[in-house]
Every structure is written in C-alpha cells, then in structure tokens.
C-alpha cells in the first residue's frame, strides 16, 4: 500500500483546527488543496474524519480516538528529520556503555557517574570491563566510548588523546627497594609482576632493560591493576604501573611509590568511539564530560595535554 506521509501532517492540522480553511492557513496551502488532502485521508482511513454540522465541522469518533497519536507521530517525525536539535539534558533518557580499562574505571568512573547524574538524571551508565583490543563492539554500537593506549587502526573509529601517563614503581612499605637510591641495577634484580590481561610475563620494560644488558625476573602476571597492587602489598613483588590512574588505589592501600629508574616513554590514553556518533549531540556531551573527568586526573601532576581529536 502506497502511503503519502504528508497526509499525516494534513490530518494533524485538520484535527487541531477543526476546519479545512483553518488547516489550510496553518500549513500555508490553498483551501482546495487541503480539501483534496481530506478526501485522500478519508479514502485511506475509511472514515469521514470531519463531518459538517450546520456551519462548522466536527471530528468523528475515530478522529477523536486517533488525534493524540497522530499529533505525536508528526512531532516525532519533525524531531527525527530536524537538521539540528537542542539538547535538553534535564529530560534526556538514554543508556551509554563506557568500556575503560580497570584502573581508569577505578580512578575516574565514580566522578564520571556523579557528573552524568548531576547534569542528566535520566541517563544511565554501564561501565563495562575491557575485554581486549577488539573494536567490533564499537562498530556494532554495543559500546559508546572506549579507552585505549593506542590510536585505532580502523578508519571509522574516531579517537581523542586525553592524556599521557608515566610509569611508576609500587612496593609494600618496608620493601628492600625503599632503602637507599633505586638504581636500574637494583630494580632489575628484584622480583617483578607484570600487568597483562593475556598473562604475558614480558613487556616493554624488559626490552628496555635488555638494551642495557640487564634482565629482570618476572614471577607472576596479573590481569588487572587492582590485582597487581594487592599482590605487591602482600609480599616483595614489584609492580610497575601507570602512575596517575593507579594513584588513588596505591594511596588507599598504603603502598610506597618509587620513580621508575628505566627510561620509558609515557603511555598515551585515548578515548575511542564510532563515527556514527559524530553528530550525536548527546554522545558529544558524554565525550566532553569524559574528557574533562580524565584530564582532571592528569592535571594533578602536569598540565592537561593538547587535544588530538578527529571529531
């Protein structure tokens, strides 16, 4: 069945105005044109819609029954086809899924949830555990915002650099490394654990040590920063972790933080999203709020980095 959706606009005007002349004036068309639209509406619905009573027209029973629904449909169509909409955070109802690595979630998740709820009480956040480097969920729309230590390789994934973190050494109070200066040789001679979701026992630090003729002994690999910090607290294992995103957890556990004696580049932090959200004003609001929240974490130790964004 071929339907002219313009008839919905005409029907809405007819039901609101209660006359052909009034509906025509409202839509800036001629009365004969509106009369023809009424005829087509009657044919499509099988109902008279408006019937004449004396010198006026009154809606039929069916017209009264569908008036509110017709008006809602027309308003929804206008919103859907509007080139630009005002974002009303107070009335926004939406669920966003944010997938950050565990240390970033622990450091910034509470502040992000608080800020979102303050600005948009109807918005709900799902903070999802980071499973790896798979961008499929971003492409399928299952994840709205993701964290990564590297820019995406796929052209349809947007990214923004929001900060960079340096590595720091975390050990328990009274650990032998806390006595005297921490040299690269003393660091290498200690027993270590790595932070790896895949259980890798070597990382970039081992390559840096190897280039200086040194080798460390890694005795364990932990899947999360929280696990690594607990393991460091329980014994003499040394955890080398991003400084800013683990700062609060290290302080809470009472761990001692030492500077890393191995020269290493800082670890960048990117926010990633799919290009479908480029013009989504609600998503743009979430991106900005997340950026502010994360940059506040790094502002404690250095100036906020210059944005490198594809949006």
C-alpha atoms as a PDB file:
ATOM      1  CA  UNK A   1       0.000   0.000   0.000  1.00  0.00           C
ATOM      2  CA  UNK A   2       1.499   3.308  -1.101  1.00  0.00           C
ATOM      3  CA  UNK A   3       1.019   5.962   1.581  1.00  0.00           C
ATOM      4  CA  UNK A   4       1.852   9.654   1.361  1.00  0.00           C
ATOM      5  CA  UNK A   5       3.211  10.514   4.780  1.00  0.00           C
ATOM      6  CA  UNK A   6       2.457  14.183   4.105  1.00  0.00           C
ATOM      7  CA  UNK A   7      -1.132  13.198   4.798  1.00  0.00           C
ATOM      8  CA  UNK A   8      -0.199  12.777   8.471  1.00  0.00           C
ATOM      9  CA  UNK A   9       0.731  16.462   8.646  1.00  0.00           C
ATOM     10  CA  UNK A  10      -2.522  17.401   6.921  1.00  0.00           C
ATOM     11  CA  UNK A  11      -4.524  15.134   9.217  1.00  0.00           C
ATOM     12  CA  UNK A  12      -2.848  16.626  12.286  1.00  0.00           C
ATOM     13  CA  UNK A  13      -3.691  20.145  11.108  1.00  0.00           C
ATOM     14  CA  UNK A  14      -7.302  19.208  10.302  1.00  0.00           C
ATOM     15  CA  UNK A  15      -7.830  17.634  13.716  1.00  0.00           C
ATOM     16  CA  UNK A  16      -6.208  20.568  15.507  1.00  0.00           C
ATOM     17  CA  UNK A  17      -8.024  23.298  13.574  1.00  0.00           C
ATOM     18  CA  UNK A  18     -11.340  21.509  13.072  1.00  0.00           C
ATOM     19  CA  UNK A  19     -11.835  23.006   9.603  1.00  0.00           C
ATOM     20  CA  UNK A  20     -10.432  22.824   6.097  1.00  0.00           C
ATOM     21  CA  UNK A  21      -9.857  26.584   5.933  1.00  0.00           C
ATOM     22  CA  UNK A  22      -8.041  26.643   9.289  1.00  0.00           C
ATOM     23  CA  UNK A  23      -5.828  23.669   8.378  1.00  0.00           C
ATOM     24  CA  UNK A  24      -5.011  25.239   5.006  1.00  0.00           C
ATOM     25  CA  UNK A  25      -3.966  28.510   6.636  1.00  0.00           C
ATOM     26  CA  UNK A  26      -1.846  26.652   9.183  1.00  0.00           C
ATOM     27  CA  UNK A  27       0.061  24.719   6.517  1.00  0.00           C
ATOM     28  CA  UNK A  28       0.184  27.645   4.062  1.00  0.00           C
ATOM     29  CA  UNK A  29      -1.712  25.851   1.293  1.00  0.00           C
ATOM     30  CA  UNK A  30      -4.927  26.692  -0.509  1.00  0.00           C
ATOM     31  CA  UNK A  31      -8.305  25.557   0.793  1.00  0.00           C
ATOM     32  CA  UNK A  32      -8.958  23.426  -2.361  1.00  0.00           C
ATOM     33  CA  UNK A  33      -5.604  21.681  -1.862  1.00  0.00           C
ATOM     34  CA  UNK A  34      -6.475  20.907   1.754  1.00  0.00           C
ATOM     35  CA  UNK A  35      -9.902  19.706   0.681  1.00  0.00           C
ATOM     36  CA  UNK A  36      -8.259  17.259  -1.700  1.00  0.00           C
ATOM     37  CA  UNK A  37      -5.963  16.070   1.112  1.00  0.00           C
ATOM     38  CA  UNK A  38      -9.021  15.467   3.300  1.00  0.00           C
ATOM     39  CA  UNK A  39     -10.524  13.394   0.523  1.00  0.00           C
ATOM     40  CA  UNK A  40      -7.393  11.266   0.298  1.00  0.00           C
ATOM     41  CA  UNK A  41      -7.323  10.864   4.067  1.00  0.00           C
ATOM     42  CA  UNK A  42     -10.935   9.702   4.051  1.00  0.00           C
ATOM     43  CA  UNK A  43     -10.118   7.161   1.370  1.00  0.00           C
ATOM     44  CA  UNK A  44      -7.021   5.886   3.187  1.00  0.00           C
ATOM     45  CA  UNK A  45      -8.726   5.586   6.593  1.00  0.00           C
ATOM     46  CA  UNK A  46     -12.204   4.610   5.508  1.00  0.00           C
ATOM     47  CA  UNK A  47     -13.563   7.293   7.828  1.00  0.00           C
ATOM     48  CA  UNK A  48     -15.042  10.765   7.260  1.00  0.00           C
ATOM     49  CA  UNK A  49     -12.657  12.270   9.873  1.00  0.00           C
ATOM     50  CA  UNK A  50     -14.549  15.622   9.834  1.00  0.00           C
ATOM     51  CA  UNK A  51     -18.276  15.909   9.199  1.00  0.00           C
ATOM     52  CA  UNK A  52     -20.272  19.058   8.713  1.00  0.00           C
ATOM     53  CA  UNK A  53     -22.737  20.099  11.394  1.00  0.00           C
ATOM     54  CA  UNK A  54     -24.517  23.295  10.466  1.00  0.00           C
ATOM     55  CA  UNK A  55     -21.856  25.846   9.564  1.00  0.00           C
ATOM     56  CA  UNK A  56     -18.982  24.027  11.301  1.00  0.00           C
ATOM     57  CA  UNK A  57     -17.242  20.669  11.118  1.00  0.00           C
ATOM     58  CA  UNK A  58     -16.818  18.211  13.970  1.00  0.00           C
ATOM     59  CA  UNK A  59     -14.480  15.222  14.264  1.00  0.00           C
ATOM     60  CA  UNK A  60     -15.795  11.703  14.039  1.00  0.00           C
ATOM     61  CA  UNK A  61     -15.430   9.196  16.860  1.00  0.00           C
ATOM     62  CA  UNK A  62     -12.414   7.649  15.169  1.00  0.00           C
ATOM     63  CA  UNK A  63     -10.843  11.056  14.589  1.00  0.00           C
ATOM     64  CA  UNK A  64     -11.122  11.815  18.290  1.00  0.00           C
ATOM     65  CA  UNK A  65      -9.564   8.431  19.117  1.00  0.00           C
ATOM     66  CA  UNK A  66      -6.505   8.935  16.904  1.00  0.00           C
ATOM     67  CA  UNK A  67      -5.928  12.678  17.362  1.00  0.00           C
ATOM     68  CA  UNK A  68      -3.304  12.402  20.121  1.00  0.00           C
ATOM     69  CA  UNK A  69      -1.453   9.585  18.347  1.00  0.00           C
ATOM     70  CA  UNK A  70      -1.389  11.478  15.045  1.00  0.00           C
ATOM     71  CA  UNK A  71      -0.027  14.584  16.735  1.00  0.00           C
ATOM     72  CA  UNK A  72       2.682  12.555  18.498  1.00  0.00           C
ATOM     73  CA  UNK A  73       3.719  10.906  15.226  1.00  0.00           C
ATOM     74  CA  UNK A  74       4.015  14.239  13.441  1.00  0.00           C
ATOM     75  CA  UNK A  75       6.086  15.704  16.276  1.00  0.00           C
ATOM     76  CA  UNK A  76       8.338  12.650  16.299  1.00  0.00           C
ATOM     77  CA  UNK A  77       8.837  12.916  12.544  1.00  0.00           C
ATOM     78  CA  UNK A  78       9.847  16.563  12.912  1.00  0.00           C
ATOM     79  CA  UNK A  79      12.386  15.631  15.587  1.00  0.00           C
ATOM     80  CA  UNK A  80      13.807  12.780  13.524  1.00  0.00           C
ATOM     81  CA  UNK A  81      14.200  14.888  10.402  1.00  0.00           C
ATOM     82  CA  UNK A  82      15.374  18.053  12.109  1.00  0.00           C
ATOM     83  CA  UNK A  83      18.890  19.011  10.987  1.00  0.00           C
ATOM     84  CA  UNK A  84      19.856  20.172  14.473  1.00  0.00           C
ATOM     85  CA  UNK A  85      18.167  19.648  17.786  1.00  0.00           C
ATOM     86  CA  UNK A  86      18.625  21.385  21.096  1.00  0.00           C
ATOM     87  CA  UNK A  87      19.995  19.002  23.691  1.00  0.00           C
ATOM     88  CA  UNK A  88      17.876  19.056  26.827  1.00  0.00           C
ATOM     89  CA  UNK A  89      19.934  17.213  29.405  1.00  0.00           C
ATOM     90  CA  UNK A  90      17.297  17.500  32.116  1.00  0.00           C
ATOM     91  CA  UNK A  91      14.871  15.379  30.063  1.00  0.00           C
ATOM     92  CA  UNK A  92      17.411  13.160  28.255  1.00  0.00           C
ATOM     93  CA  UNK A  93      16.781   9.436  28.750  1.00  0.00           C
ATOM     94  CA  UNK A  94      19.472   7.160  27.375  1.00  0.00           C
ATOM     95  CA  UNK A  95      21.812   4.327  28.303  1.00  0.00           C
ATOM     96  CA  UNK A  96      25.518   4.704  27.476  1.00  0.00           C
ATOM     97  CA  UNK A  97      28.071   1.893  27.661  1.00  0.00           C
ATOM     98  CA  UNK A  98      31.577   3.019  28.567  1.00  0.00           C
ATOM     99  CA  UNK A  99      34.341   0.416  28.287  1.00  0.00           C
ATOM    100  CA  UNK A 100      37.514   1.541  30.071  1.00  0.00           C
ATOM    101  CA  UNK A 101      40.406  -0.465  31.415  1.00  0.00           C
ATOM    102  CA  UNK A 102      40.032  -1.326  35.069  1.00  0.00           C
ATOM    103  CA  UNK A 103      42.469   1.229  36.520  1.00  0.00           C
ATOM    104  CA  UNK A 104      40.855   4.094  34.612  1.00  0.00           C
ATOM    105  CA  UNK A 105      37.399   2.924  35.689  1.00  0.00           C
ATOM    106  CA  UNK A 106      38.512   2.832  39.308  1.00  0.00           C
ATOM    107  CA  UNK A 107      40.160   6.262  39.074  1.00  0.00           C
ATOM    108  CA  UNK A 108      37.561   8.151  37.017  1.00  0.00           C
ATOM    109  CA  UNK A 109      34.390   6.052  36.956  1.00  0.00           C
ATOM    110  CA  UNK A 110      32.849   7.451  40.169  1.00  0.00           C
ATOM    111  CA  UNK A 111      33.478  11.061  39.086  1.00  0.00           C
ATOM    112  CA  UNK A 112      32.005  10.401  35.633  1.00  0.00           C
ATOM    113  CA  UNK A 113      28.873   8.780  37.058  1.00  0.00           C
ATOM    114  CA  UNK A 114      28.417  11.666  39.509  1.00  0.00           C
ATOM    115  CA  UNK A 115      28.797  14.286  36.752  1.00  0.00           C
ATOM    116  CA  UNK A 116      26.423  12.473  34.383  1.00  0.00           C
ATOM    117  CA  UNK A 117      23.755  12.075  37.049  1.00  0.00           C
ATOM    118  CA  UNK A 118      24.109  15.734  38.051  1.00  0.00           C
ATOM    119  CA  UNK A 119      23.607  17.039  34.506  1.00  0.00           C
ATOM    120  CA  UNK A 120      21.233  14.396  33.123  1.00  0.00           C
ATOM    121  CA  UNK A 121      19.392  12.393  35.812  1.00  0.00           C
ATOM    122  CA  UNK A 122      17.618  10.284  33.178  1.00  0.00           C
ATOM    123  CA  UNK A 123      20.874   8.973  31.685  1.00  0.00           C
ATOM    124  CA  UNK A 124      22.200   5.617  32.854  1.00  0.00           C
ATOM    125  CA  UNK A 125      25.812   4.469  32.500  1.00  0.00           C
ATOM    126  CA  UNK A 126      27.105   0.955  32.032  1.00  0.00           C
ATOM    127  CA  UNK A 127      30.804   0.739  32.918  1.00  0.00           C
ATOM    128  CA  UNK A 128      31.916  -2.381  31.108  1.00  0.00           C
ATOM    129  CA  UNK A 129      35.087  -4.383  31.700  1.00  0.00           C
ATOM    130  CA  UNK A 130      37.589  -4.019  28.875  1.00  0.00           C
ATOM    131  CA  UNK A 131      37.950  -7.408  27.102  1.00  0.00           C
ATOM    132  CA  UNK A 132      40.858  -6.502  24.813  1.00  0.00           C
ATOM    133  CA  UNK A 133      41.539  -4.545  21.651  1.00  0.00           C
ATOM    134  CA  UNK A 134      38.509  -5.737  19.717  1.00  0.00           C
ATOM    135  CA  UNK A 135      36.722  -2.773  18.114  1.00  0.00           C
ATOM    136  CA  UNK A 136      33.756  -4.850  16.887  1.00  0.00           C
ATOM    137  CA  UNK A 137      31.539  -3.689  19.737  1.00  0.00           C
ATOM    138  CA  UNK A 138      32.206  -0.058  18.814  1.00  0.00           C
ATOM    139  CA  UNK A 139      31.262  -0.757  15.197  1.00  0.00           C
ATOM    140  CA  UNK A 140      28.089  -2.602  16.225  1.00  0.00           C
ATOM    141  CA  UNK A 141      27.042   0.183  18.590  1.00  0.00           C
ATOM    142  CA  UNK A 142      27.313  -2.046  21.673  1.00  0.00           C
ATOM    143  CA  UNK A 143      29.954   0.241  23.210  1.00  0.00           C
ATOM    144  CA  UNK A 144      29.656   4.033  23.092  1.00  0.00           C
ATOM    145  CA  UNK A 145      33.041   5.079  24.439  1.00  0.00           C
ATOM    146  CA  UNK A 146      36.235   3.100  24.922  1.00  0.00           C
ATOM    147  CA  UNK A 147      39.718   3.708  26.324  1.00  0.00           C
ATOM    148  CA  UNK A 148      42.917   2.649  24.604  1.00  0.00           C
ATOM    149  CA  UNK A 149      46.653   3.172  24.874  1.00  0.00           C
ATOM    150  CA  UNK A 150      46.962   3.398  21.091  1.00  0.00           C
ATOM    151  CA  UNK A 151      45.001   5.098  18.312  1.00  0.00           C
ATOM    152  CA  UNK A 152      42.604   2.905  16.311  1.00  0.00           C
ATOM    153  CA  UNK A 153      43.600   1.268  13.055  1.00  0.00           C
ATOM    154  CA  UNK A 154      40.093   1.235  11.585  1.00  0.00           C
ATOM    155  CA  UNK A 155      39.093   4.365   9.617  1.00  0.00           C
ATOM    156  CA  UNK A 156      35.553   4.504  11.042  1.00  0.00           C
ATOM    157  CA  UNK A 157      36.736   4.634  14.672  1.00  0.00           C
ATOM    158  CA  UNK A 158      37.316   8.167  15.937  1.00  0.00           C
ATOM    159  CA  UNK A 159      39.830   8.966  18.657  1.00  0.00           C
ATOM    160  CA  UNK A 160      40.909  11.731  21.006  1.00  0.00           C
ATOM    161  CA  UNK A 161      44.098  11.925  23.033  1.00  0.00           C
ATOM    162  CA  UNK A 162      43.055  12.881  26.575  1.00  0.00           C
ATOM    163  CA  UNK A 163      46.252  12.371  28.499  1.00  0.00           C
ATOM    164  CA  UNK A 164      49.529  10.536  28.920  1.00  0.00           C
ATOM    165  CA  UNK A 165      50.751   8.688  31.983  1.00  0.00           C
ATOM    166  CA  UNK A 166      54.223   7.823  33.178  1.00  0.00           C
ATOM    167  CA  UNK A 167      55.118   4.504  34.764  1.00  0.00           C
ATOM    168  CA  UNK A 168      55.855   4.256  38.476  1.00  0.00           C
ATOM    169  CA  UNK A 169      57.026   1.524  40.812  1.00  0.00           C
ATOM    170  CA  UNK A 170      54.749   0.323  43.617  1.00  0.00           C
ATOM    171  CA  UNK A 171      56.040  -1.752  46.539  1.00  0.00           C
ATOM    172  CA  UNK A 172      54.911  -2.557  50.063  1.00  0.00           C
ATOM    173  CA  UNK A 173      56.096  -0.438  52.998  1.00  0.00           C
ATOM    174  CA  UNK A 174      59.491  -1.730  54.208  1.00  0.00           C
ATOM    175  CA  UNK A 175      60.346  -3.309  50.867  1.00  0.00           C
ATOM    176  CA  UNK A 176      64.158  -3.562  50.313  1.00  0.00           C
ATOM    177  CA  UNK A 177      63.910  -1.188  47.340  1.00  0.00           C
ATOM    178  CA  UNK A 178      62.711   1.604  49.643  1.00  0.00           C
ATOM    179  CA  UNK A 179      66.116   1.677  51.352  1.00  0.00           C
ATOM    180  CA  UNK A 180      68.579   3.914  49.548  1.00  0.00           C
ATOM    181  CA  UNK A 181      68.541   5.124  45.958  1.00  0.00           C
ATOM    182  CA  UNK A 182      66.689   2.968  43.463  1.00  0.00           C
ATOM    183  CA  UNK A 183      69.164   2.243  40.693  1.00  0.00           C
ATOM    184  CA  UNK A 184      68.391   0.450  37.482  1.00  0.00           C
ATOM    185  CA  UNK A 185      70.523  -2.489  38.652  1.00  0.00           C
ATOM    186  CA  UNK A 186      68.650  -2.836  41.958  1.00  0.00           C
ATOM    187  CA  UNK A 187      65.348  -2.560  40.126  1.00  0.00           C
ATOM    188  CA  UNK A 188      66.293  -5.308  37.662  1.00  0.00           C
ATOM    189  CA  UNK A 189      67.493  -7.603  40.453  1.00  0.00           C
ATOM    190  CA  UNK A 190      64.129  -7.543  42.265  1.00  0.00           C
ATOM    191  CA  UNK A 191      61.263  -9.961  41.647  1.00  0.00           C
ATOM    192  CA  UNK A 192      58.518  -8.496  39.490  1.00  0.00           C
ATOM    193  CA  UNK A 193      54.979  -8.993  38.311  1.00  0.00           C
ATOM    194  CA  UNK A 194      53.514  -7.769  35.035  1.00  0.00           C
ATOM    195  CA  UNK A 195      50.092  -6.345  34.300  1.00  0.00           C
ATOM    196  CA  UNK A 196      48.630  -8.307  31.393  1.00  0.00           C
ATOM    197  CA  UNK A 197      45.111  -9.488  30.602  1.00  0.00           C
ATOM    198  CA  UNK A 198      46.644 -12.240  28.484  1.00  0.00           C
ATOM    199  CA  UNK A 199      49.096 -13.350  31.177  1.00  0.00           C
ATOM    200  CA  UNK A 200      52.247 -12.172  29.385  1.00  0.00           C
ATOM    201  CA  UNK A 201      55.361 -12.363  31.544  1.00  0.00           C
ATOM    202  CA  UNK A 202      57.302  -9.794  29.500  1.00  0.00           C
ATOM    203  CA  UNK A 203      56.537  -6.252  28.378  1.00  0.00           C
ATOM    204  CA  UNK A 204      58.275  -3.124  27.053  1.00  0.00           C
ATOM    205  CA  UNK A 205      60.260  -2.710  30.269  1.00  0.00           C
ATOM    206  CA  UNK A 206      62.057  -5.980  29.591  1.00  0.00           C
ATOM    207  CA  UNK A 207      63.099  -4.734  26.162  1.00  0.00           C
ATOM    208  CA  UNK A 208      64.446  -1.509  27.703  1.00  0.00           C
ATOM    209  CA  UNK A 209      66.424  -3.469  30.304  1.00  0.00           C
ATOM    210  CA  UNK A 210      67.737  -5.890  27.702  1.00  0.00           C
ATOM    211  CA  UNK A 211      69.116  -2.982  25.671  1.00  0.00           C
ATOM    212  CA  UNK A 212      71.222  -2.102  28.732  1.00  0.00           C
ATOM    213  CA  UNK A 213      72.396  -5.661  29.289  1.00  0.00           C
ATOM    214  CA  UNK A 214      70.024  -6.290  32.188  1.00  0.00           C
ATOM    215  CA  UNK A 215      67.247  -8.792  32.812  1.00  0.00           C
ATOM    216  CA  UNK A 216      64.564  -8.881  35.477  1.00  0.00           C
ATOM    217  CA  UNK A 217      62.810 -11.914  36.924  1.00  0.00           C
ATOM    218  CA  UNK A 218      59.050 -11.824  36.418  1.00  0.00           C
ATOM    219  CA  UNK A 219      57.375 -14.371  38.675  1.00  0.00           C
ATOM    220  CA  UNK A 220      53.714 -13.539  38.069  1.00  0.00           C
ATOM    221  CA  UNK A 221      51.306 -11.789  35.709  1.00  0.00           C
ATOM    222  CA  UNK A 222      48.105 -10.122  36.902  1.00  0.00           C
ATOM    223  CA  UNK A 223      45.062  -9.341  34.748  1.00  0.00           C
ATOM    224  CA  UNK A 224      44.103  -6.057  36.458  1.00  0.00           C
ATOM    225  CA  UNK A 225      45.812  -3.176  38.202  1.00  0.00           C
ATOM    226  CA  UNK A 226      43.848  -3.894  41.391  1.00  0.00           C
ATOM    227  CA  UNK A 227      45.151  -7.470  41.429  1.00  0.00           C
ATOM    228  CA  UNK A 228      48.736  -6.330  40.806  1.00  0.00           C
ATOM    229  CA  UNK A 229      48.596  -3.797  43.638  1.00  0.00           C
ATOM    230  CA  UNK A 230      47.190  -6.363  46.079  1.00  0.00           C
ATOM    231  CA  UNK A 231      49.936  -8.798  45.130  1.00  0.00           C
ATOM    232  CA  UNK A 232      52.617  -6.135  45.634  1.00  0.00           C
ATOM    233  CA  UNK A 233      51.148  -5.321  49.053  1.00  0.00           C
ATOM    234  CA  UNK A 234      51.195  -8.961  50.127  1.00  0.00           C
ATOM    235  CA  UNK A 235      54.921  -9.610  49.537  1.00  0.00           C
ATOM    236  CA  UNK A 236      58.114  -8.470  47.901  1.00  0.00           C
ATOM    237  CA  UNK A 237      56.928  -8.437  44.294  1.00  0.00           C
ATOM    238  CA  UNK A 238      57.419  -5.161  42.428  1.00  0.00           C
ATOM    239  CA  UNK A 239      54.531  -3.746  40.383  1.00  0.00           C
ATOM    240  CA  UNK A 240      55.270  -1.200  37.648  1.00  0.00           C
ATOM    241  CA  UNK A 241      52.065   0.578  36.702  1.00  0.00           C
ATOM    242  CA  UNK A 242      50.732   3.821  35.183  1.00  0.00           C
ATOM    243  CA  UNK A 243      51.179   6.467  37.874  1.00  0.00           C
ATOM    244  CA  UNK A 244      48.127   8.740  37.575  1.00  0.00           C
ATOM    245  CA  UNK A 245      45.393   6.142  37.052  1.00  0.00           C
ATOM    246  CA  UNK A 246      46.600   3.972  39.968  1.00  0.00           C
ATOM    247  CA  UNK A 247      47.461   6.856  42.340  1.00  0.00           C
ATOM    248  CA  UNK A 248      44.291   6.716  44.442  1.00  0.00           C
ATOM    249  CA  UNK A 249      44.398   2.931  44.798  1.00  0.00           C
ATOM    250  CA  UNK A 250      48.093   2.977  45.772  1.00  0.00           C
ATOM    251  CA  UNK A 251      47.447   5.580  48.447  1.00  0.00           C
ATOM    252  CA  UNK A 252      44.396   3.730  49.715  1.00  0.00           C
ATOM    253  CA  UNK A 253      46.405   0.524  50.119  1.00  0.00           C
ATOM    254  CA  UNK A 254      49.339   2.335  51.716  1.00  0.00           C
ATOM    255  CA  UNK A 255      51.832   1.282  49.046  1.00  0.00           C
ATOM    256  CA  UNK A 256      55.098   3.129  48.541  1.00  0.00           C
ATOM    257  CA  UNK A 257      55.630   4.744  45.133  1.00  0.00           C
ATOM    258  CA  UNK A 258      59.124   4.990  43.642  1.00  0.00           C
ATOM    259  CA  UNK A 259      60.262   6.564  40.374  1.00  0.00           C
ATOM    260  CA  UNK A 260      60.993   4.092  37.605  1.00  0.00           C
ATOM    261  CA  UNK A 261      64.776   4.074  37.024  1.00  0.00           C
ATOM    262  CA  UNK A 262      64.350   2.717  33.491  1.00  0.00           C
ATOM    263  CA  UNK A 263      63.875   5.436  30.832  1.00  0.00           C
ATOM    264  CA  UNK A 264      60.478   4.709  29.274  1.00  0.00           C
ATOM    265  CA  UNK A 265      58.134   6.762  27.075  1.00  0.00           C
ATOM    266  CA  UNK A 266      54.880   7.926  28.616  1.00  0.00           C
ATOM    267  CA  UNK A 267      51.754   5.864  27.984  1.00  0.00           C
ATOM    268  CA  UNK A 268      49.131   7.769  25.944  1.00  0.00           C
ATOM    269  CA  UNK A 269      45.452   7.479  26.759  1.00  0.00           C
ATOM    270  CA  UNK A 270      42.852   7.753  24.000  1.00  0.00           C
ATOM    271  CA  UNK A 271      39.072   7.813  24.015  1.00  0.00           C
ATOM    272  CA  UNK A 272      37.536   5.941  21.077  1.00  0.00           C
ATOM    273  CA  UNK A 273      34.061   5.990  19.526  1.00  0.00           C
ATOM    274  CA  UNK A 274      32.402   5.118  16.223  1.00  0.00           C
ATOM    275  CA  UNK A 275      31.899   7.759  13.568  1.00  0.00           C
ATOM    276  CA  UNK A 276      28.114   7.239  13.673  1.00  0.00           C
ATOM    277  CA  UNK A 277      28.131   9.387  16.810  1.00  0.00           C
ATOM    278  CA  UNK A 278      29.982  12.352  15.298  1.00  0.00           C
ATOM    279  CA  UNK A 279      26.780  14.420  15.003  1.00  0.00           C
ATOM    280  CA  UNK A 280      25.017  12.890  18.014  1.00  0.00           C
ATOM    281  CA  UNK A 281      24.775  15.793  20.464  1.00  0.00           C
ATOM    282  CA  UNK A 282      24.077  13.580  23.470  1.00  0.00           C
ATOM    283  CA  UNK A 283      27.110  11.447  22.671  1.00  0.00           C
ATOM    284  CA  UNK A 284      29.211  14.588  22.130  1.00  0.00           C
ATOM    285  CA  UNK A 285      28.144  15.779  25.598  1.00  0.00           C
ATOM    286  CA  UNK A 286      29.246  12.435  27.093  1.00  0.00           C
ATOM    287  CA  UNK A 287      32.585  12.627  25.250  1.00  0.00           C
ATOM    288  CA  UNK A 288      33.265  16.103  26.596  1.00  0.00           C
ATOM    289  CA  UNK A 289      32.297  15.111  30.130  1.00  0.00           C
ATOM    290  CA  UNK A 290      34.506  12.015  29.974  1.00  0.00           C
ATOM    291  CA  UNK A 291      37.390  14.087  28.600  1.00  0.00           C
ATOM    292  CA  UNK A 292      37.089  16.635  31.407  1.00  0.00           C
ATOM    293  CA  UNK A 293      36.914  13.869  34.008  1.00  0.00           C
ATOM    294  CA  UNK A 294      40.006  12.065  32.739  1.00  0.00           C
ATOM    295  CA  UNK A 295      42.051  15.224  32.220  1.00  0.00           C
ATOM    296  CA  UNK A 296      41.333  16.283  35.792  1.00  0.00           C
ATOM    297  CA  UNK A 297      43.150  13.117  36.869  1.00  0.00           C
ATOM    298  CA  UNK A 298      46.299  14.095  34.971  1.00  0.00           C
ATOM    299  CA  UNK A 299      46.057  17.765  35.983  1.00  0.00           C
ATOM    300  CA  UNK A 300      47.215  16.803  39.477  1.00  0.00           C
ATOM    301  CA  UNK A 301      50.717  16.109  38.200  1.00  0.00           C
ATOM    302  CA  UNK A 302      51.109  18.036  34.935  1.00  0.00           C
ATOM    303  CA  UNK A 303      49.273  20.391  32.572  1.00  0.00           C
ATOM    304  CA  UNK A 304      46.470  18.847  30.517  1.00  0.00           C
ATOM    305  CA  UNK A 305      47.715  17.646  27.103  1.00  0.00           C
ATOM    306  CA  UNK A 306      46.779  19.264  23.838  1.00  0.00           C
ATOM    307  CA  UNK A 307      43.774  17.534  22.282  1.00  0.00           C
ATOM    308  CA  UNK A 308      44.417  15.425  19.218  1.00  0.00           C
ATOM    309  CA  UNK A 309      40.933  14.686  18.020  1.00  0.00           C
ATOM    310  CA  UNK A 310      39.372  13.533  14.801  1.00  0.00           C
ATOM    311  CA  UNK A 311      35.948  14.895  15.750  1.00  0.00           C
END
